[in-house]
Amino acid sequence: MDTHLTKPADPSTTDLGRRVRAARQAQDLTLETASRLCGVSRSTLSKVENGLMSPTFDVLQKIVLGLKIEIGELFGSTPKVSASGRRALTRKNEGQRHAYRGYQMELLATDLAHKAMLPFRIRISAHTLDAFDDWGRHEGEEFLYVISGSVCLYSELYAPTHLNAGDSLYFDSRTGHAAVSTSDEDAEVLWMATSADIPQTSATAEPTKK
């Protein structure tokens, strides 16, 4: 899901864009060079920097890997590295928020750097695959647990998987995927992804709408 939301974004997206630009300029990188390092198109990176695009998690991962920064830095936090006894407390509704079309994401544990996994609480407002431009796809593995409502996870390799509250699914992030709410209300999920080391830039495929 590497493009195409170009309507004016909310203030949080504008702030994120400023931080992306600051991280790029701090390394004296041109937009063209940074786009190659991140594995995203120059136009996509420009839209993110100017607050015209709310980037997907896939694009966020590519940016933090390409610019060698922590994802928490893009949300205004200063992650800390702890030698031992690592822990991070996130109170209710105090995570860093980010929205992309069908997902209202709250990134948790943003005060820790170099985490092995990235935990999100997500409200899935998408009810059809039409909400997405493309599959989600990146390095690593993911775990999805449904807190409330019901969800259908679409995948390139498997038949659509229907999940109810209390159900969970563990899967390979490299397989194209997208989740929609199948309940009347938006679904709430805990979504965890391992922190990738290498950006994924393979060709994408269109989701098969069911």
N, C-alpha and C. Protein backbone atom coordinates (compact mmCIF):
# COMPACT_ATOMS: atom_id res chain seq x y z
N MET A 1 0.85 -1.18 0.00
CA MET A 1 0.00 0.00 0.00
C MET A 1 0.89 1.24 0.00
N ASP A 2 1.58 1.51 -1.05
CA ASP A 2 2.63 2.50 -1.07
C ASP A 2 2.21 3.84 -1.68
N THR A 3 0.96 4.08 -1.95
CA THR A 3 0.55 5.36 -2.50
C THR A 3 -0.88 5.65 -2.11
N HIS A 4 -1.50 6.52 -2.32
CA HIS A 4 -2.11 7.46 -3.20
C HIS A 4 -3.06 8.39 -2.47
N LEU A 5 -2.90 8.56 -1.18
CA LEU A 5 -3.79 9.47 -0.48
C LEU A 5 -3.20 10.86 -0.57
N THR A 6 -3.82 11.77 -1.34
CA THR A 6 -3.25 13.08 -1.56
C THR A 6 -4.15 14.22 -1.11
N LYS A 7 -5.21 13.93 -0.42
CA LYS A 7 -6.03 15.00 0.11
C LYS A 7 -5.32 15.61 1.32
N PRO A 8 -5.61 16.88 1.68
CA PRO A 8 -4.97 17.48 2.83
C PRO A 8 -5.14 16.61 4.06
N ALA A 9 -4.04 16.37 4.76
CA ALA A 9 -4.07 15.46 5.90
C ALA A 9 -4.31 16.22 7.20
N ASP A 10 -4.55 15.47 8.29
CA ASP A 10 -4.78 16.11 9.57
C ASP A 10 -3.46 16.58 10.15
N PRO A 11 -3.49 17.39 11.24
CA PRO A 11 -2.26 17.95 11.79
C PRO A 11 -1.23 16.90 12.18
N SER A 12 -1.66 15.74 12.67
CA SER A 12 -0.69 14.72 13.06
C SER A 12 0.11 14.23 11.86
N THR A 13 -0.55 14.13 10.70
CA THR A 13 0.16 13.73 9.49
C THR A 13 1.11 14.81 9.03
N THR A 14 0.71 16.08 9.17
CA THR A 14 1.58 17.19 8.83
C THR A 14 2.82 17.19 9.71
N ASP A 15 2.64 16.95 11.01
CA ASP A 15 3.78 16.89 11.93
C ASP A 15 4.71 15.75 11.57
N LEU A 16 4.14 14.60 11.24
CA LEU A 16 4.95 13.46 10.85
C LEU A 16 5.77 13.80 9.61
N GLY A 17 5.16 14.47 8.65
CA GLY A 17 5.88 14.86 7.44
C GLY A 17 7.05 15.77 7.73
N ARG A 18 6.85 16.72 8.66
CA ARG A 18 7.95 17.62 9.02
C ARG A 18 9.11 16.84 9.63
N ARG A 19 8.79 15.83 10.42
CA ARG A 19 9.85 15.04 11.06
C ARG A 19 10.59 14.19 10.05
N VAL A 20 9.88 13.67 9.06
CA VAL A 20 10.54 12.92 8.00
C VAL A 20 11.50 13.83 7.26
N ARG A 21 11.06 15.03 6.90
CA ARG A 21 11.92 15.97 6.20
C ARG A 21 13.14 16.34 7.05
N ALA A 22 12.91 16.60 8.34
CA ALA A 22 14.02 16.96 9.23
C ALA A 22 15.05 15.84 9.32
N ALA A 23 14.57 14.58 9.39
CA ALA A 23 15.49 13.44 9.47
C ALA A 23 16.29 13.32 8.18
N ARG A 24 15.64 13.55 7.05
CA ARG A 24 16.35 13.49 5.76
C ARG A 24 17.38 14.60 5.65
N GLN A 25 16.98 15.83 5.99
CA GLN A 25 17.89 16.97 5.86
C GLN A 25 19.04 16.90 6.86
N ALA A 26 18.80 16.29 8.03
CA ALA A 26 19.87 16.14 9.02
C ALA A 26 21.00 15.27 8.48
N GLN A 27 20.67 14.40 7.53
CA GLN A 27 21.69 13.53 6.92
C GLN A 27 22.16 14.07 5.57
N ASP A 28 21.72 15.31 5.26
CA ASP A 28 22.12 15.97 4.02
C ASP A 28 21.79 15.13 2.80
N LEU A 29 20.60 14.54 2.82
CA LEU A 29 20.16 13.71 1.70
C LEU A 29 19.18 14.48 0.83
N THR A 30 19.33 14.34 -0.47
CA THR A 30 18.33 14.90 -1.37
C THR A 30 17.09 14.02 -1.34
N LEU A 31 16.00 14.56 -1.83
CA LEU A 31 14.77 13.78 -1.89
C LEU A 31 14.97 12.54 -2.76
N GLU A 32 15.70 12.70 -3.86
CA GLU A 32 15.95 11.59 -4.78
C GLU A 32 16.77 10.49 -4.10
N THR A 33 17.83 10.88 -3.40
CA THR A 33 18.69 9.90 -2.72
C THR A 33 17.92 9.19 -1.61
N ALA A 34 17.16 9.97 -0.82
CA ALA A 34 16.40 9.38 0.27
C ALA A 34 15.35 8.40 -0.25
N SER A 35 14.73 8.73 -1.37
CA SER A 35 13.70 7.83 -1.92
C SER A 35 14.32 6.50 -2.32
N ARG A 36 15.55 6.53 -2.85
CA ARG A 36 16.23 5.28 -3.22
C ARG A 36 16.60 4.48 -1.97
N LEU A 37 17.09 5.15 -0.95
CA LEU A 37 17.47 4.47 0.29
C LEU A 37 16.26 3.83 0.97
N CYS A 38 15.13 4.51 0.89
CA CYS A 38 13.92 4.03 1.57
C CYS A 38 13.15 3.01 0.73
N GLY A 39 13.37 3.00 -0.57
CA GLY A 39 12.63 2.08 -1.41
C GLY A 39 11.21 2.53 -1.67
N VAL A 40 10.97 3.84 -1.62
CA VAL A 40 9.67 4.40 -1.99
C VAL A 40 9.89 5.42 -3.10
N SER A 41 8.87 5.71 -3.86
CA SER A 41 9.03 6.65 -4.97
C SER A 41 9.29 8.06 -4.45
N ARG A 42 9.93 8.86 -5.29
CA ARG A 42 10.22 10.25 -4.92
C ARG A 42 8.92 11.01 -4.66
N SER A 43 7.91 10.77 -5.50
CA SER A 43 6.65 11.49 -5.33
C SER A 43 5.96 11.11 -4.02
N THR A 44 6.04 9.82 -3.65
CA THR A 44 5.44 9.38 -2.39
C THR A 44 6.13 10.04 -1.22
N LEU A 45 7.46 10.05 -1.21
CA LEU A 45 8.21 10.66 -0.11
C LEU A 45 7.92 12.16 -0.03
N SER A 46 7.82 12.81 -1.16
CA SER A 46 7.52 14.24 -1.18
C SER A 46 6.14 14.51 -0.59
N LYS A 47 5.15 13.68 -0.95
CA LYS A 47 3.80 13.85 -0.41
C LYS A 47 3.78 13.64 1.10
N VAL A 48 4.53 12.65 1.57
CA VAL A 48 4.60 12.41 3.02
C VAL A 48 5.20 13.63 3.71
N GLU A 49 6.31 14.14 3.19
CA GLU A 49 6.99 15.28 3.81
C GLU A 49 6.11 16.53 3.83
N ASN A 50 5.26 16.67 2.84
CA ASN A 50 4.41 17.86 2.75
C ASN A 50 3.03 17.68 3.37
N GLY A 51 2.84 16.55 4.06
CA GLY A 51 1.57 16.32 4.74
C GLY A 51 0.41 16.05 3.82
N LEU A 52 0.71 15.65 2.58
CA LEU A 52 -0.35 15.37 1.61
C LEU A 52 -0.70 13.89 1.55
N MET A 53 0.07 13.06 2.24
CA MET A 53 -0.19 11.63 2.26
C MET A 53 -0.05 11.12 3.68
N SER A 54 -1.02 10.33 4.10
CA SER A 54 -0.92 9.62 5.37
C SER A 54 -0.33 8.25 5.07
N PRO A 55 0.96 8.03 5.36
CA PRO A 55 1.62 6.79 4.91
C PRO A 55 1.13 5.55 5.63
N THR A 56 1.16 4.45 4.93
CA THR A 56 0.82 3.17 5.51
C THR A 56 1.95 2.70 6.43
N PHE A 57 1.68 1.65 7.19
CA PHE A 57 2.72 1.07 8.04
C PHE A 57 3.88 0.57 7.18
N ASP A 58 3.58 0.01 6.01
CA ASP A 58 4.62 -0.47 5.11
C ASP A 58 5.58 0.67 4.74
N VAL A 59 5.01 1.81 4.36
CA VAL A 59 5.83 2.96 3.97
C VAL A 59 6.59 3.50 5.17
N LEU A 60 5.96 3.55 6.34
CA LEU A 60 6.65 4.01 7.54
C LEU A 60 7.87 3.14 7.82
N GLN A 61 7.70 1.83 7.70
CA GLN A 61 8.83 0.92 7.92
C GLN A 61 9.96 1.21 6.95
N LYS A 62 9.64 1.42 5.69
CA LYS A 62 10.67 1.69 4.70
C LYS A 62 11.41 3.00 4.99
N ILE A 63 10.66 4.00 5.46
CA ILE A 63 11.28 5.29 5.76
C ILE A 63 12.24 5.18 6.94
N VAL A 64 11.78 4.53 8.03
CA VAL A 64 12.65 4.45 9.21
C VAL A 64 13.89 3.60 8.93
N LEU A 65 13.74 2.56 8.10
CA LEU A 65 14.88 1.73 7.75
C LEU A 65 15.84 2.48 6.83
N GLY A 66 15.28 3.17 5.84
CA GLY A 66 16.12 3.89 4.89
C GLY A 66 16.87 5.04 5.52
N LEU A 67 16.21 5.75 6.45
CA LEU A 67 16.84 6.91 7.10
C LEU A 67 17.55 6.53 8.40
N LYS A 68 17.44 5.24 8.78
CA LYS A 68 18.09 4.73 9.99
C LYS A 68 17.67 5.50 11.24
N ILE A 69 16.36 5.61 11.42
CA ILE A 69 15.80 6.25 12.60
C ILE A 69 14.80 5.31 13.24
N GLU A 70 14.33 5.67 14.43
CA GLU A 70 13.33 4.87 15.13
C GLU A 70 11.94 5.34 14.73
N ILE A 71 11.00 4.41 14.64
CA ILE A 71 9.64 4.79 14.23
C ILE A 71 9.03 5.78 15.23
N GLY A 72 9.39 5.66 16.51
CA GLY A 72 8.86 6.60 17.49
C GLY A 72 9.26 8.03 17.24
N GLU A 73 10.42 8.24 16.61
CA GLU A 73 10.88 9.60 16.31
C GLU A 73 9.93 10.31 15.36
N LEU A 74 9.27 9.55 14.50
CA LEU A 74 8.34 10.16 13.55
C LEU A 74 7.07 10.64 14.23
N PHE A 75 6.83 10.19 15.46
CA PHE A 75 5.63 10.59 16.19
C PHE A 75 5.95 11.52 17.35
N GLY A 76 7.18 12.05 17.37
CA GLY A 76 7.51 13.07 18.35
C GLY A 76 8.09 12.56 19.65
N SER A 77 8.27 11.25 19.79
CA SER A 77 8.85 10.72 21.02
C SER A 77 10.35 10.52 20.83
N THR A 78 11.06 10.40 21.94
CA THR A 78 12.50 10.16 21.90
C THR A 78 12.77 8.81 22.53
N PRO A 79 12.81 7.76 21.72
CA PRO A 79 13.00 6.42 22.25
C PRO A 79 14.32 6.29 22.99
N LYS A 80 14.32 5.50 24.06
CA LYS A 80 15.51 5.30 24.87
C LYS A 80 15.92 3.84 24.79
N VAL A 81 17.23 3.61 24.76
CA VAL A 81 17.76 2.26 24.78
C VAL A 81 18.08 1.90 26.22
N SER A 82 17.59 0.77 26.68
CA SER A 82 17.85 0.30 28.04
C SER A 82 18.71 -0.96 27.98
N ALA A 83 19.77 -0.99 28.76
CA ALA A 83 20.69 -2.12 28.72
C ALA A 83 20.04 -3.39 29.25
N SER A 84 19.21 -3.25 30.27
CA SER A 84 18.55 -4.43 30.85
C SER A 84 17.23 -4.00 31.48
N GLY A 85 16.41 -5.00 31.78
CA GLY A 85 15.13 -4.69 32.42
C GLY A 85 14.24 -3.82 31.58
N ARG A 86 14.20 -4.08 30.27
CA ARG A 86 13.41 -3.24 29.37
C ARG A 86 11.92 -3.34 29.68
N ARG A 87 11.26 -2.20 29.74
CA ARG A 87 9.81 -2.17 29.90
C ARG A 87 9.31 -0.81 29.42
N ALA A 88 8.07 -0.79 29.00
CA ALA A 88 7.46 0.45 28.53
C ALA A 88 5.99 0.42 28.89
N LEU A 89 5.54 1.42 29.63
CA LEU A 89 4.15 1.52 30.05
C LEU A 89 3.44 2.53 29.15
N THR A 90 2.33 2.11 28.56
CA THR A 90 1.50 3.02 27.78
C THR A 90 0.10 3.02 28.38
N ARG A 91 -0.30 4.14 28.95
CA ARG A 91 -1.63 4.25 29.53
C ARG A 91 -2.69 4.30 28.43
N LYS A 92 -3.92 4.01 28.82
CA LYS A 92 -5.03 3.99 27.88
C LYS A 92 -5.11 5.29 27.09
N ASN A 93 -5.17 5.15 25.77
CA ASN A 93 -5.32 6.27 24.83
C ASN A 93 -4.12 7.22 24.82
N GLU A 94 -2.97 6.79 25.32
CA GLU A 94 -1.79 7.65 25.35
C GLU A 94 -0.71 7.21 24.36
N GLY A 95 -1.04 6.29 23.46
CA GLY A 95 -0.09 5.90 22.43
C GLY A 95 -0.01 6.96 21.34
N GLN A 96 0.95 6.79 20.43
CA GLN A 96 1.11 7.73 19.31
C GLN A 96 0.17 7.33 18.19
N ARG A 97 -0.65 8.28 17.72
CA ARG A 97 -1.71 7.96 16.77
C ARG A 97 -1.31 8.27 15.33
N HIS A 98 -1.81 7.41 14.45
CA HIS A 98 -1.57 7.59 13.02
C HIS A 98 -2.74 6.95 12.28
N ALA A 99 -3.23 7.64 11.26
CA ALA A 99 -4.38 7.14 10.51
C ALA A 99 -4.01 6.92 9.05
N TYR A 100 -4.52 5.84 8.49
CA TYR A 100 -4.42 5.63 7.05
C TYR A 100 -5.70 4.96 6.58
N ARG A 101 -6.50 5.68 5.86
CA ARG A 101 -7.74 5.16 5.28
C ARG A 101 -8.50 4.28 6.24
N GLY A 102 -8.44 2.97 6.05
CA GLY A 102 -9.27 2.08 6.85
C GLY A 102 -8.73 1.74 8.22
N TYR A 103 -7.56 2.27 8.60
CA TYR A 103 -6.95 1.95 9.89
C TYR A 103 -6.73 3.22 10.71
N GLN A 104 -7.21 3.20 11.95
CA GLN A 104 -6.89 4.25 12.91
C GLN A 104 -5.94 3.60 13.92
N MET A 105 -4.66 3.89 13.79
CA MET A 105 -3.64 3.16 14.54
C MET A 105 -3.15 3.94 15.76
N GLU A 106 -2.90 3.20 16.83
CA GLU A 106 -2.26 3.77 18.01
C GLU A 106 -1.00 2.94 18.29
N LEU A 107 0.15 3.55 18.05
CA LEU A 107 1.42 2.86 18.28
C LEU A 107 1.75 2.89 19.76
N LEU A 108 2.05 1.71 20.32
CA LEU A 108 2.30 1.57 21.75
C LEU A 108 3.80 1.39 22.02
N ALA A 109 4.19 1.64 23.27
CA ALA A 109 5.58 1.46 23.72
C ALA A 109 6.57 2.26 22.88
N THR A 110 6.22 3.51 22.57
CA THR A 110 7.08 4.33 21.71
C THR A 110 8.31 4.85 22.42
N ASP A 111 8.39 4.71 23.75
CA ASP A 111 9.56 5.24 24.45
C ASP A 111 10.73 4.26 24.48
N LEU A 112 10.58 3.09 23.86
CA LEU A 112 11.68 2.13 23.77
C LEU A 112 12.24 2.09 22.35
N ALA A 113 13.56 2.14 22.25
CA ALA A 113 14.23 2.04 20.95
C ALA A 113 14.63 0.60 20.67
N HIS A 114 14.81 0.30 19.38
CA HIS A 114 15.30 -1.01 18.94
C HIS A 114 14.45 -2.16 19.48
N LYS A 115 13.14 -1.99 19.39
CA LYS A 115 12.24 -3.05 19.84
C LYS A 115 12.24 -4.21 18.83
N ALA A 116 12.07 -5.42 19.35
CA ALA A 116 11.99 -6.59 18.47
C ALA A 116 10.63 -6.67 17.80
N MET A 117 9.63 -6.00 18.38
CA MET A 117 8.29 -6.01 17.80
C MET A 117 7.65 -4.65 17.98
N LEU A 118 6.71 -4.34 17.10
CA LEU A 118 6.00 -3.06 17.13
C LEU A 118 4.53 -3.34 17.42
N PRO A 119 4.04 -2.96 18.61
CA PRO A 119 2.65 -3.22 18.95
C PRO A 119 1.74 -2.04 18.61
N PHE A 120 0.59 -2.34 18.04
CA PHE A 120 -0.41 -1.34 17.71
C PHE A 120 -1.77 -1.76 18.26
N ARG A 121 -2.55 -0.79 18.68
CA ARG A 121 -3.99 -0.99 18.85
C ARG A 121 -4.63 -0.28 17.67
N ILE A 122 -5.46 -1.01 16.92
CA ILE A 122 -5.99 -0.46 15.68
C ILE A 122 -7.51 -0.57 15.65
N ARG A 123 -8.15 0.52 15.27
CA ARG A 123 -9.57 0.49 14.96
C ARG A 123 -9.70 0.36 13.46
N ILE A 124 -10.29 -0.74 13.01
CA ILE A 124 -10.44 -0.99 11.58
C ILE A 124 -11.79 -0.43 11.14
N SER A 125 -11.75 0.69 10.43
CA SER A 125 -12.98 1.32 9.96
C SER A 125 -13.33 0.89 8.54
N ALA A 126 -12.38 0.26 7.84
CA ALA A 126 -12.65 -0.24 6.49
C ALA A 126 -13.59 -1.44 6.57
N HIS A 127 -14.60 -1.46 5.73
CA HIS A 127 -15.54 -2.59 5.69
C HIS A 127 -15.49 -3.32 4.35
N THR A 128 -14.72 -2.79 3.39
CA THR A 128 -14.49 -3.48 2.12
C THR A 128 -13.04 -3.22 1.70
N LEU A 129 -12.55 -4.03 0.78
CA LEU A 129 -11.18 -3.85 0.28
C LEU A 129 -11.03 -2.60 -0.57
N ASP A 130 -12.15 -1.99 -0.94
CA ASP A 130 -12.08 -0.76 -1.73
C ASP A 130 -11.38 0.37 -0.97
N ALA A 131 -11.27 0.24 0.34
CA ALA A 131 -10.61 1.26 1.14
C ALA A 131 -9.10 1.30 0.92
N PHE A 132 -8.55 0.25 0.31
CA PHE A 132 -7.10 0.13 0.18
C PHE A 132 -6.67 0.20 -1.28
N ASP A 133 -5.47 0.73 -1.49
CA ASP A 133 -4.91 0.81 -2.83
C ASP A 133 -4.19 -0.47 -3.23
N ASP A 134 -3.67 -1.17 -2.24
CA ASP A 134 -2.85 -2.33 -2.54
C ASP A 134 -2.72 -3.19 -1.29
N TRP A 135 -2.09 -4.36 -1.44
CA TRP A 135 -1.81 -5.20 -0.30
C TRP A 135 -0.81 -4.54 0.64
N GLY A 136 -0.91 -4.85 1.94
CA GLY A 136 0.17 -4.56 2.86
C GLY A 136 1.22 -5.65 2.69
N ARG A 137 2.48 -5.27 2.71
CA ARG A 137 3.54 -6.26 2.49
C ARG A 137 4.86 -5.69 2.99
N HIS A 138 5.57 -6.41 3.83
CA HIS A 138 6.87 -5.97 4.33
C HIS A 138 7.57 -7.15 4.98
N GLU A 139 8.82 -6.97 5.35
CA GLU A 139 9.57 -8.03 5.99
C GLU A 139 9.04 -8.30 7.40
N GLY A 140 9.22 -9.51 7.88
CA GLY A 140 8.87 -9.83 9.25
C GLY A 140 7.65 -10.72 9.39
N GLU A 141 7.13 -10.79 10.60
CA GLU A 141 5.96 -11.59 10.93
C GLU A 141 4.99 -10.75 11.75
N GLU A 142 3.72 -11.15 11.77
CA GLU A 142 2.69 -10.37 12.45
C GLU A 142 1.77 -11.25 13.27
N PHE A 143 1.17 -10.62 14.27
CA PHE A 143 0.20 -11.29 15.11
C PHE A 143 -1.00 -10.36 15.27
N LEU A 144 -2.18 -10.89 14.98
CA LEU A 144 -3.42 -10.11 15.03
C LEU A 144 -4.38 -10.75 16.02
N TYR A 145 -4.84 -9.97 17.00
CA TYR A 145 -5.80 -10.46 18.00
C TYR A 145 -7.01 -9.54 17.99
N VAL A 146 -8.20 -10.11 17.82
CA VAL A 146 -9.41 -9.31 17.74
C VAL A 146 -9.94 -9.02 19.15
N ILE A 147 -10.02 -7.74 19.49
CA ILE A 147 -10.53 -7.32 20.80
C ILE A 147 -12.04 -7.23 20.79
N SER A 148 -12.58 -6.60 19.75
CA SER A 148 -14.04 -6.49 19.64
C SER A 148 -14.44 -6.42 18.17
N GLY A 149 -15.71 -6.77 17.91
CA GLY A 149 -16.17 -6.82 16.53
C GLY A 149 -15.68 -8.08 15.84
N SER A 150 -15.73 -8.08 14.53
CA SER A 150 -15.25 -9.22 13.74
C SER A 150 -14.46 -8.70 12.55
N VAL A 151 -13.53 -9.52 12.09
CA VAL A 151 -12.56 -9.10 11.08
C VAL A 151 -12.43 -10.18 10.02
N CYS A 152 -12.17 -9.76 8.79
CA CYS A 152 -11.78 -10.69 7.74
C CYS A 152 -10.40 -10.28 7.25
N LEU A 153 -9.43 -11.19 7.33
CA LEU A 153 -8.09 -10.93 6.82
C LEU A 153 -7.98 -11.56 5.44
N TYR A 154 -7.78 -10.72 4.42
CA TYR A 154 -7.56 -11.18 3.06
C TYR A 154 -6.07 -11.38 2.84
N SER A 155 -5.72 -12.35 2.01
CA SER A 155 -4.32 -12.70 1.79
C SER A 155 -4.11 -13.15 0.36
N GLU A 156 -2.88 -12.95 -0.12
CA GLU A 156 -2.53 -13.43 -1.46
C GLU A 156 -2.55 -14.95 -1.54
N LEU A 157 -2.16 -15.62 -0.47
CA LEU A 157 -1.94 -17.06 -0.53
C LEU A 157 -3.06 -17.91 0.04
N TYR A 158 -3.88 -17.32 0.92
CA TYR A 158 -4.88 -18.11 1.62
C TYR A 158 -6.28 -17.57 1.35
N ALA A 159 -7.26 -18.42 1.58
CA ALA A 159 -8.66 -17.97 1.49
C ALA A 159 -8.91 -16.94 2.59
N PRO A 160 -9.87 -16.03 2.40
CA PRO A 160 -10.17 -15.04 3.44
C PRO A 160 -10.42 -15.72 4.79
N THR A 161 -9.81 -15.18 5.83
CA THR A 161 -9.91 -15.75 7.17
C THR A 161 -10.79 -14.87 8.04
N HIS A 162 -11.89 -15.42 8.55
CA HIS A 162 -12.83 -14.65 9.37
C HIS A 162 -12.49 -14.85 10.85
N LEU A 163 -12.38 -13.76 11.57
CA LEU A 163 -11.99 -13.78 12.98
C LEU A 163 -13.02 -13.03 13.81
N ASN A 164 -13.40 -13.60 14.93
CA ASN A 164 -14.30 -12.96 15.88
C ASN A 164 -13.53 -12.54 17.12
N ALA A 165 -14.17 -11.78 18.00
CA ALA A 165 -13.53 -11.33 19.22
C ALA A 165 -12.94 -12.52 19.97
N GLY A 166 -11.67 -12.41 20.34
CA GLY A 166 -10.98 -13.49 21.02
C GLY A 166 -10.17 -14.38 20.10
N ASP A 167 -10.42 -14.30 18.78
CA ASP A 167 -9.65 -15.07 17.81
C ASP A 167 -8.34 -14.34 17.50
N SER A 168 -7.34 -15.10 17.07
CA SER A 168 -6.06 -14.50 16.72
C SER A 168 -5.45 -15.22 15.52
N LEU A 169 -4.50 -14.57 14.89
CA LEU A 169 -3.84 -15.13 13.72
C LEU A 169 -2.40 -14.64 13.67
N TYR A 170 -1.48 -15.56 13.39
CA TYR A 170 -0.06 -15.25 13.24
C TYR A 170 0.30 -15.54 11.78
N PHE A 171 0.99 -14.60 11.11
CA PHE A 171 1.25 -14.81 9.69
C PHE A 171 2.52 -14.10 9.23
N ASP A 172 2.99 -14.49 8.06
CA ASP A 172 4.18 -13.94 7.42
C ASP A 172 3.83 -12.59 6.80
N SER A 173 4.53 -11.53 7.21
CA SER A 173 4.24 -10.19 6.71
C SER A 173 4.55 -10.02 5.24
N ARG A 174 5.40 -10.89 4.69
CA ARG A 174 5.78 -10.76 3.29
C ARG A 174 4.66 -11.16 2.34
N THR A 175 3.69 -11.91 2.86
CA THR A 175 2.51 -12.26 2.08
C THR A 175 1.55 -11.07 2.06
N GLY A 176 1.16 -10.62 0.89
CA GLY A 176 0.24 -9.49 0.80
C GLY A 176 -1.01 -9.71 1.64
N HIS A 177 -1.44 -8.67 2.38
CA HIS A 177 -2.57 -8.85 3.30
C HIS A 177 -3.30 -7.53 3.50
N ALA A 178 -4.55 -7.64 3.91
CA ALA A 178 -5.38 -6.49 4.27
C ALA A 178 -6.52 -6.98 5.14
N ALA A 179 -6.88 -6.20 6.14
CA ALA A 179 -7.94 -6.59 7.07
C ALA A 179 -9.09 -5.59 7.01
N VAL A 180 -10.32 -6.10 7.05
CA VAL A 180 -11.50 -5.25 7.07
C VAL A 180 -12.41 -5.70 8.21
N SER A 181 -13.21 -4.76 8.69
CA SER A 181 -14.21 -5.09 9.70
C SER A 181 -15.43 -5.70 9.02
N THR A 182 -15.90 -6.83 9.56
CA THR A 182 -17.11 -7.45 9.01
C THR A 182 -18.30 -7.31 9.96
N SER A 183 -18.10 -6.59 11.06
CA SER A 183 -19.20 -6.30 11.98
C SER A 183 -19.80 -4.95 11.62
N ASP A 184 -20.99 -4.68 12.11
CA ASP A 184 -21.64 -3.41 11.82
C ASP A 184 -20.80 -2.25 12.33
N GLU A 185 -20.19 -2.45 13.50
CA GLU A 185 -19.33 -1.42 14.07
C GLU A 185 -17.88 -1.64 13.61
N ASP A 186 -17.03 -0.64 13.84
CA ASP A 186 -15.61 -0.82 13.55
C ASP A 186 -15.04 -1.87 14.49
N ALA A 187 -14.12 -2.66 13.99
CA ALA A 187 -13.47 -3.68 14.82
C ALA A 187 -12.26 -3.07 15.53
N GLU A 188 -11.98 -3.58 16.72
CA GLU A 188 -10.80 -3.17 17.48
C GLU A 188 -9.86 -4.37 17.57
N VAL A 189 -8.58 -4.16 17.25
CA VAL A 189 -7.64 -5.27 17.26
C VAL A 189 -6.32 -4.84 17.91
N LEU A 190 -5.61 -5.83 18.43
CA LEU A 190 -4.21 -5.66 18.82
C LEU A 190 -3.40 -6.27 17.69
N TRP A 191 -2.53 -5.47 17.10
CA TRP A 191 -1.78 -5.90 15.93
C TRP A 191 -0.30 -5.72 16.24
N MET A 192 0.48 -6.78 16.15
CA MET A 192 1.89 -6.72 16.46
C MET A 192 2.70 -7.17 15.26
N ALA A 193 3.76 -6.42 14.96
CA ALA A 193 4.63 -6.76 13.83
C ALA A 193 6.07 -6.78 14.31
N THR A 194 6.84 -7.74 13.83
CA THR A 194 8.26 -7.73 14.17
C THR A 194 8.92 -6.58 13.44
N SER A 195 9.93 -6.01 14.05
CA SER A 195 10.64 -4.88 13.47
C SER A 195 11.57 -5.39 12.39
N ALA A 196 11.34 -4.95 11.15
CA ALA A 196 12.09 -5.48 10.01
C ALA A 196 13.48 -4.88 9.92
N ASP A 197 14.39 -5.61 9.25
CA ASP A 197 15.75 -5.13 9.04
C ASP A 197 15.99 -4.68 7.60
N ILE A 198 15.21 -5.23 6.66
CA ILE A 198 15.43 -4.93 5.25
C ILE A 198 14.12 -4.50 4.62
N PRO A 199 14.07 -3.33 3.96
CA PRO A 199 12.83 -2.93 3.32
C PRO A 199 12.46 -3.86 2.18
N GLN A 200 11.15 -4.09 2.02
CA GLN A 200 10.64 -4.96 0.96
C GLN A 200 10.21 -4.10 -0.20
N THR A 201 10.79 -4.31 -1.39
CA THR A 201 10.48 -3.46 -2.54
C THR A 201 10.03 -4.27 -3.75
N SER A 202 9.57 -5.48 -3.51
CA SER A 202 9.13 -6.31 -4.63
C SER A 202 7.85 -5.76 -5.24
N ALA A 203 7.54 -6.20 -6.45
CA ALA A 203 6.33 -5.74 -7.13
C ALA A 203 5.11 -6.13 -6.34
N THR A 204 4.10 -5.31 -6.41
CA THR A 204 2.88 -5.57 -5.66
C THR A 204 1.80 -6.11 -6.57
N ALA A 205 0.81 -6.73 -5.94
CA ALA A 205 -0.32 -7.27 -6.70
C ALA A 205 -1.60 -6.67 -6.16
N GLU A 206 -2.60 -6.62 -6.99
CA GLU A 206 -3.88 -6.09 -6.56
C GLU A 206 -4.62 -7.07 -5.68
N PRO A 207 -5.23 -6.62 -4.57
CA PRO A 207 -6.03 -7.53 -3.76
C PRO A 207 -7.19 -8.11 -4.57
N THR A 208 -7.48 -9.37 -4.30
CA THR A 208 -8.63 -10.01 -4.93
C THR A 208 -9.86 -9.77 -4.07
N LYS A 209 -10.77 -8.95 -4.54
CA LYS A 209 -11.93 -8.58 -3.75
C LYS A 209 -12.93 -9.73 -3.74
N LYS A 210 -13.41 -10.04 -2.55
CA LYS A 210 -14.37 -11.13 -2.39
C LYS A 210 -15.75 -10.56 -2.11
